Amino acid sequence: MYLDHFGLGVNPFSLSPKLDFLYKSGTFEESMAHLVYGLDNHEAIVLITGAIGTGKTMALQSFLTNLGPRFEFALITNTRVTAIELLKLVLEDLGVGLPIGADKSDLLILFKDYLLGA
């Protein structure tokens, strides 16, 4: 609908964020500063909150795109999971192979080993 009516080449309203359409508002810059501060100060966790559609995912995508090869990260977008499911998602996103039938302690050991570079 938008493509024909406005002569656009790409749908600007897709469900996944597109960095090509990034608008660096004051709120966006504040989120980026918060993420950079957390990284620079070796914070274990940085929390970005906001209502649906306020640009949290877009800010995070932009931040991760600019991290560079020195950093590794896991991006988990589904938060309606159990603790074990979350751990599995993190390990899978980091490229850690999961043994069949691994329980929570196995997963925690794998995560610890990954973090320590073992």
C-alpha atoms as a PDB file:
ATOM      1  CA  MET A   1       0.000   0.000   0.000  1.00  0.00           C
ATOM      2  CA  TYR A   2       2.684   2.534   1.028  1.00  0.00           C
ATOM      3  CA  LEU A   3       5.027   1.466  -1.739  1.00  0.00           C
ATOM      4  CA  ASP A   4       2.638   2.328  -4.565  1.00  0.00           C
ATOM      5  CA  HIS A   5       0.945   5.330  -2.992  1.00  0.00           C
ATOM      6  CA  PHE A   6       4.131   7.129  -1.927  1.00  0.00           C
ATOM      7  CA  GLY A   7       6.455   5.638  -4.559  1.00  0.00           C
ATOM      8  CA  LEU A   8       8.657   3.966  -1.967  1.00  0.00           C
ATOM      9  CA  GLY A   9      11.150   1.259  -2.807  1.00  0.00           C
ATOM     10  CA  VAL A  10      11.084  -0.413   0.622  1.00  0.00           C
ATOM     11  CA  ASN A  11       8.361  -0.913   3.216  1.00  0.00           C
ATOM     12  CA  PRO A  12       9.235   1.539   6.032  1.00  0.00           C
ATOM     13  CA  PHE A  13       6.874  -0.143   8.507  1.00  0.00           C
ATOM     14  CA  SER A  14       8.133  -3.713   8.704  1.00  0.00           C
ATOM     15  CA  LEU A  15       8.054  -5.570  12.024  1.00  0.00           C
ATOM     16  CA  SER A  16      11.827  -5.865  12.286  1.00  0.00           C
ATOM     17  CA  PRO A  17      13.943  -2.724  12.699  1.00  0.00           C
ATOM     18  CA  LYS A  18      15.843  -1.412   9.693  1.00  0.00           C
ATOM     19  CA  LEU A  19      18.892   0.674  10.519  1.00  0.00           C
ATOM     20  CA  ASP A  20      18.528   2.435   7.154  1.00  0.00           C
ATOM     21  CA  PHE A  21      15.534   4.280   8.640  1.00  0.00           C
ATOM     22  CA  LEU A  22      17.195   5.174  11.942  1.00  0.00           C
ATOM     23  CA  TYR A  23      16.278   8.586  13.340  1.00  0.00           C
ATOM     24  CA  LYS A  24      18.712   9.655  16.052  1.00  0.00           C
ATOM     25  CA  SER A  25      16.358  11.466  18.401  1.00  0.00           C
ATOM     26  CA  GLY A  26      17.381  12.784  21.800  1.00  0.00           C
ATOM     27  CA  THR A  27      15.888   9.703  23.432  1.00  0.00           C
ATOM     28  CA  PHE A  28      17.825   7.468  21.039  1.00  0.00           C
ATOM     29  CA  GLU A  29      21.087   9.267  21.852  1.00  0.00           C
ATOM     30  CA  GLU A  30      20.341   8.916  25.572  1.00  0.00           C
ATOM     31  CA  SER A  31      19.835   5.162  25.147  1.00  0.00           C
ATOM     32  CA  MET A  32      23.085   4.889  23.209  1.00  0.00           C
ATOM     33  CA  ALA A  33      24.949   6.861  25.875  1.00  0.00           C
ATOM     34  CA  HIS A  34      23.544   4.506  28.517  1.00  0.00           C
ATOM     35  CA  LEU A  35      24.714   1.443  26.584  1.00  0.00           C
ATOM     36  CA  VAL A  36      28.174   2.918  25.927  1.00  0.00           C
ATOM     37  CA  TYR A  37      28.506   3.908  29.591  1.00  0.00           C
ATOM     38  CA  GLY A  38      27.654   0.349  30.635  1.00  0.00           C
ATOM     39  CA  LEU A  39      30.229  -1.069  28.238  1.00  0.00           C
ATOM     40  CA  ASP A  40      32.957   1.408  29.186  1.00  0.00           C
ATOM     41  CA  ASN A  41      32.413   0.741  32.883  1.00  0.00           C
ATOM     42  CA  HIS A  42      32.329  -3.043  32.535  1.00  0.00           C
ATOM     43  CA  GLU A  43      28.750  -3.327  33.769  1.00  0.00           C
ATOM     44  CA  ALA A  44      27.459  -6.905  33.670  1.00  0.00           C
ATOM     45  CA  ILE A  45      23.930  -5.866  32.696  1.00  0.00           C
ATOM     46  CA  VAL A  46      22.465  -2.701  31.209  1.00  0.00           C
ATOM     47  CA  LEU A  47      18.698  -2.261  31.207  1.00  0.00           C
ATOM     48  CA  ILE A  48      16.856  -0.247  28.564  1.00  0.00           C
ATOM     49  CA  THR A  49      13.105   0.048  29.093  1.00  0.00           C
ATOM     50  CA  GLY A  50      10.293   1.807  27.295  1.00  0.00           C
ATOM     51  CA  ALA A  51       6.886   1.387  25.779  1.00  0.00           C
ATOM     52  CA  ILE A  52       6.334  -0.645  22.632  1.00  0.00           C
ATOM     53  CA  GLY A  53       7.525   1.201  19.546  1.00  0.00           C
ATOM     54  CA  THR A  54       9.864   3.621  21.312  1.00  0.00           C
ATOM     55  CA  GLY A  55      13.006   2.342  19.574  1.00  0.00           C
ATOM     56  CA  LYS A  56      14.610   0.028  22.133  1.00  0.00           C
ATOM     57  CA  THR A  57      15.331  -2.692  19.584  1.00  0.00           C
ATOM     58  CA  MET A  58      16.517  -0.164  17.013  1.00  0.00           C
ATOM     59  CA  ALA A  59      18.915   1.401  19.541  1.00  0.00           C
ATOM     60  CA  LEU A  60      20.233  -2.009  20.532  1.00  0.00           C
ATOM     61  CA  GLN A  61      20.683  -3.109  16.902  1.00  0.00           C
ATOM     62  CA  SER A  62      22.583   0.103  16.155  1.00  0.00           C
ATOM     63  CA  PHE A  63      24.753  -0.332  19.241  1.00  0.00           C
ATOM     64  CA  LEU A  64      25.594  -3.968  18.434  1.00  0.00           C
ATOM     65  CA  THR A  65      26.356  -3.132  14.804  1.00  0.00           C
ATOM     66  CA  ASN A  66      28.994  -0.660  15.952  1.00  0.00           C
ATOM     67  CA  LEU A  67      30.644  -2.832  18.623  1.00  0.00           C
ATOM     68  CA  GLY A  68      33.350  -4.252  16.415  1.00  0.00           C
ATOM     69  CA  PRO A  69      35.057  -7.651  16.481  1.00  0.00           C
ATOM     70  CA  ARG A  70      36.524  -7.230  19.970  1.00  0.00           C
ATOM     71  CA  PHE A  71      33.187  -8.029  21.588  1.00  0.00           C
ATOM     72  CA  GLU A  72      30.893 -11.036  21.548  1.00  0.00           C
ATOM     73  CA  PHE A  73      27.229 -10.822  22.395  1.00  0.00           C
ATOM     74  CA  ALA A  74      24.015 -12.790  22.507  1.00  0.00           C
ATOM     75  CA  LEU A  75      20.831 -11.073  21.431  1.00  0.00           C
ATOM     76  CA  ILE A  76      17.723 -12.633  22.951  1.00  0.00           C
ATOM     77  CA  THR A  77      14.456 -11.026  21.919  1.00  0.00           C
ATOM     78  CA  ASN A  78      12.013 -13.551  23.365  1.00  0.00           C
ATOM     79  CA  THR A  79      11.654 -12.848  27.082  1.00  0.00           C
ATOM     80  CA  ARG A  80       8.761 -15.211  27.789  1.00  0.00           C
ATOM     81  CA  VAL A  81      10.971 -18.176  28.599  1.00  0.00           C
ATOM     82  CA  THR A  82      12.031 -20.064  31.701  1.00  0.00           C
ATOM     83  CA  ALA A  83      15.472 -19.586  33.224  1.00  0.00           C
ATOM     84  CA  ILE A  84      16.735 -22.784  31.587  1.00  0.00           C
ATOM     85  CA  GLU A  85      15.278 -21.802  28.206  1.00  0.00           C
ATOM     86  CA  LEU A  86      16.961 -18.385  28.500  1.00  0.00           C
ATOM     87  CA  LEU A  87      20.293 -20.008  29.279  1.00  0.00           C
ATOM     88  CA  LYS A  88      19.891 -22.303  26.265  1.00  0.00           C
ATOM     89  CA  LEU A  89      19.060 -19.328  24.026  1.00  0.00           C
ATOM     90  CA  VAL A  90      22.121 -17.411  25.242  1.00  0.00           C
ATOM     91  CA  LEU A  91      24.447 -20.365  24.746  1.00  0.00           C
ATOM     92  CA  GLU A  92      23.006 -21.112  21.309  1.00  0.00           C
ATOM     93  CA  ASP A  93      23.395 -17.470  20.238  1.00  0.00           C
ATOM     94  CA  LEU A  94      27.021 -17.555  21.416  1.00  0.00           C
ATOM     95  CA  GLY A  95      27.621 -20.661  19.301  1.00  0.00           C
ATOM     96  CA  VAL A  96      28.101 -23.054  22.212  1.00  0.00           C
ATOM     97  CA  GLY A  97      27.046 -26.592  21.359  1.00  0.00           C
ATOM     98  CA  LEU A  98      24.435 -28.008  23.711  1.00  0.00           C
ATOM     99  CA  PRO A  99      24.657 -31.690  24.597  1.00  0.00           C
ATOM    100  CA  ILE A 100      21.401 -33.631  24.329  1.00  0.00           C
ATOM    101  CA  GLY A 101      19.732 -33.960  27.714  1.00  0.00           C
ATOM    102  CA  ALA A 102      21.795 -31.238  29.387  1.00  0.00           C
ATOM    103  CA  ASP A 103      20.285 -30.069  32.664  1.00  0.00           C
ATOM    104  CA  LYS A 104      20.556 -26.650  34.300  1.00  0.00           C
ATOM    105  CA  SER A 105      23.877 -27.413  36.023  1.00  0.00           C
ATOM    106  CA  ASP A 106      25.359 -28.652  32.724  1.00  0.00           C
ATOM    107  CA  LEU A 107      24.248 -25.433  31.023  1.00  0.00           C
ATOM    108  CA  LEU A 108      25.685 -23.263  33.796  1.00  0.00           C
ATOM    109  CA  ILE A 109      29.019 -25.094  33.545  1.00  0.00           C
ATOM    110  CA  LEU A 110      29.051 -24.578  29.771  1.00  0.00           C
ATOM    111  CA  PHE A 111      28.282 -20.877  30.234  1.00  0.00           C
ATOM    112  CA  LYS A 112      31.000 -20.479  32.901  1.00  0.00           C
ATOM    113  CA  ASP A 113      33.520 -22.275  30.680  1.00  0.00           C
ATOM    114  CA  TYR A 114      32.562 -20.034  27.769  1.00  0.00           C
ATOM    115  CA  LEU A 115      32.982 -16.876  29.835  1.00  0.00           C
ATOM    116  CA  LEU A 116      36.348 -18.016  31.165  1.00  0.00           C
ATOM    117  CA  GLY A 117      37.495 -19.005  27.692  1.00  0.00           C
ATOM    118  CA  ALA A 118      38.026 -22.636  28.610  1.00  0.00           C
END
